[in-house]
Structure formats: structure tokens, C-alpha cells
Amino acid sequence: MIEYKVIKELEENPSHTQRSLAQKLNVSLGKMNYVLSGLIEKGIIKAKKLKNHPDKIRWQYLLTPQGVKEKIKITSDYLKKRLKEFEYIQNEIEELKEEIKKNNIDK
């Protein structure tokens, strides 16, 4: 879900740098570079070189319209997965409650 987190962060704050994203999401700078490169390659974000930083190469990462669609899809997929896990855990809790109830009655 790192891609989702990166997309979400960039949507909320497009002035993030690779370093600030890496720190915010608690990943290495190398991993962040890899994730951003993949998102750029897929057309989900675009990188724009900022001109007002001549001493350092500075990039701005912008979410593309395709990126907005991808964020919605990723969010939906993630929600479905978490709901299935939640349902499984609820069923497991009910089974455990029944087991406890059964064992308490037998004693």
C-alpha cells in the first residue's frame, strides 16, 4: 500500500520532496525513489523540475488525472480487503464467545 500512501500524501501536499515523503512514510530514500519512478512510469504522477532552486535539483510531484482515478481504485480495493478481514475477525470472535459460553455452562 506504499503507492496509495504516496499518492495520498502528494494529493494533500504537492510540495513534498523525495526526502520528506520518505521521512513521512518511514521508508528509505532509495525505496521512495523507486516508488516515485514507478508511479511516474505508470503516468500516475508527473515530476516537474523547479527552477527556483539552482543549487539543488528539486522536483515537484503532481498527481495526474489518471493518478486520481488510480487512487480511487486503490482505495476501493484496500477497503474491500479490510472489510473481508474485519468480517473474518468478527466471525472468529463470535466462535470464541460461543466456545467460552459452552465451556462455562459445562462446568
Protein backbone atom coordinates (compact mmCIF):
# COMPACT_ATOMS: atom_id res chain seq x y z
CA MET A 1 0.00 0.00 0.00
CA ILE A 2 3.02 2.30 -0.22
CA GLU A 3 1.81 3.56 -3.59
CA TYR A 4 -1.52 4.58 -2.08
CA LYS A 5 0.21 6.37 0.79
CA VAL A 6 2.50 8.25 -1.63
CA ILE A 7 -0.43 9.26 -3.84
CA LYS A 8 -2.42 10.41 -0.82
CA GLU A 9 0.50 12.45 0.54
CA LEU A 10 1.15 14.09 -2.82
CA GLU A 11 -2.53 14.91 -3.22
CA GLU A 12 -2.53 16.59 0.21
CA ASN A 13 0.86 18.27 -0.17
CA PRO A 14 2.37 18.52 -3.68
CA SER A 15 5.43 20.31 -2.32
CA HIS A 16 6.78 17.08 -0.82
CA THR A 17 10.30 16.11 -1.83
CA GLN A 18 11.52 12.54 -2.09
CA ARG A 19 13.24 13.01 1.24
CA SER A 20 10.18 14.46 3.00
CA LEU A 21 7.98 11.67 1.63
CA ALA A 22 10.48 9.04 2.74
CA GLN A 23 10.58 10.53 6.23
CA LYS A 24 6.80 10.94 6.47
CA LEU A 25 6.15 7.37 5.34
CA ASN A 26 9.10 5.90 7.24
CA VAL A 27 10.84 4.32 4.24
CA SER A 28 14.34 4.67 2.85
CA LEU A 29 15.14 7.35 0.32
CA GLY A 30 16.07 4.63 -2.19
CA LYS A 31 12.70 2.93 -1.80
CA MET A 32 10.92 6.26 -2.20
CA ASN A 33 12.88 6.94 -5.38
CA TYR A 34 11.88 3.50 -6.68
CA VAL A 35 8.18 4.02 -5.84
CA LEU A 36 8.07 7.53 -7.35
CA SER A 37 9.82 6.30 -10.52
CA GLY A 38 7.23 3.55 -10.88
CA LEU A 39 4.34 5.97 -10.38
CA ILE A 40 5.84 8.34 -12.96
CA GLU A 41 6.33 5.48 -15.42
CA LYS A 42 2.67 4.44 -14.98
CA GLY A 43 1.53 8.02 -15.59
CA ILE A 44 0.01 8.35 -12.12
CA ILE A 45 2.20 11.29 -11.17
CA LYS A 46 4.40 13.63 -13.13
CA ALA A 47 7.62 15.21 -11.99
CA LYS A 48 8.29 18.84 -12.70
CA LYS A 49 11.73 20.36 -12.17
CA LEU A 50 11.58 23.53 -10.10
CA LYS A 51 13.61 26.43 -11.49
CA ASN A 52 13.93 28.43 -8.29
CA HIS A 53 16.46 26.01 -6.81
CA PRO A 54 19.58 26.37 -8.98
CA ASP A 55 21.93 25.00 -6.31
CA LYS A 56 19.91 21.80 -5.84
CA ILE A 57 17.87 19.69 -8.18
CA ARG A 58 14.37 19.97 -6.80
CA TRP A 59 11.28 18.26 -8.13
CA GLN A 60 7.59 18.80 -7.65
CA TYR A 61 5.40 15.73 -7.93
CA LEU A 62 1.90 16.26 -9.28
CA LEU A 63 -0.97 13.83 -9.36
CA THR A 64 -2.29 13.32 -12.89
CA PRO A 65 -5.98 12.75 -13.72
CA GLN A 66 -5.07 9.08 -14.17
CA GLY A 67 -3.49 9.25 -10.70
CA VAL A 68 -6.73 10.47 -9.18
CA LYS A 69 -8.57 7.53 -10.79
CA GLU A 70 -5.88 5.13 -9.59
CA LYS A 71 -6.16 6.49 -6.04
CA ILE A 72 -9.90 5.82 -6.07
CA LYS A 73 -9.34 2.28 -7.38
CA ILE A 74 -6.60 1.53 -4.85
CA THR A 75 -8.74 2.93 -2.03
CA SER A 76 -11.70 0.80 -3.10
CA ASP A 77 -9.57 -2.36 -3.36
CA TYR A 78 -7.99 -1.69 0.03
CA LEU A 79 -11.38 -1.10 1.65
CA LYS A 80 -12.76 -4.36 0.22
CA LYS A 81 -9.75 -6.27 1.54
CA ARG A 82 -10.02 -4.72 5.01
CA LEU A 83 -13.78 -5.38 5.16
CA LYS A 84 -13.20 -9.06 4.38
CA GLU A 85 -10.58 -9.22 7.13
CA PHE A 86 -12.97 -7.45 9.50
CA GLU A 87 -15.76 -9.92 8.71
CA TYR A 88 -13.40 -12.85 9.25
CA ILE A 89 -12.31 -11.45 12.62
CA GLN A 90 -15.92 -10.82 13.66
CA ASN A 91 -16.80 -14.43 12.86
CA GLU A 92 -13.77 -15.67 14.76
CA ILE A 93 -14.77 -13.54 17.79
CA GLU A 94 -18.30 -14.96 17.72
CA GLU A 95 -16.93 -18.51 17.56
CA LEU A 96 -14.66 -17.83 20.53
CA LYS A 97 -17.54 -16.33 22.51
CA GLU A 98 -19.61 -19.44 21.81
CA GLU A 99 -16.74 -21.67 22.86
CA ILE A 100 -16.34 -19.78 26.14
CA LYS A 101 -20.07 -19.84 26.75
CA LYS A 102 -20.21 -23.59 26.08
CA ASN A 103 -17.27 -24.31 28.38
CA ASN A 104 -18.68 -22.18 31.20
CA ILE A 105 -22.04 -23.97 31.04
CA ASP A 106 -20.41 -27.39 31.22
CA LYS A 107 -18.58 -26.56 34.47
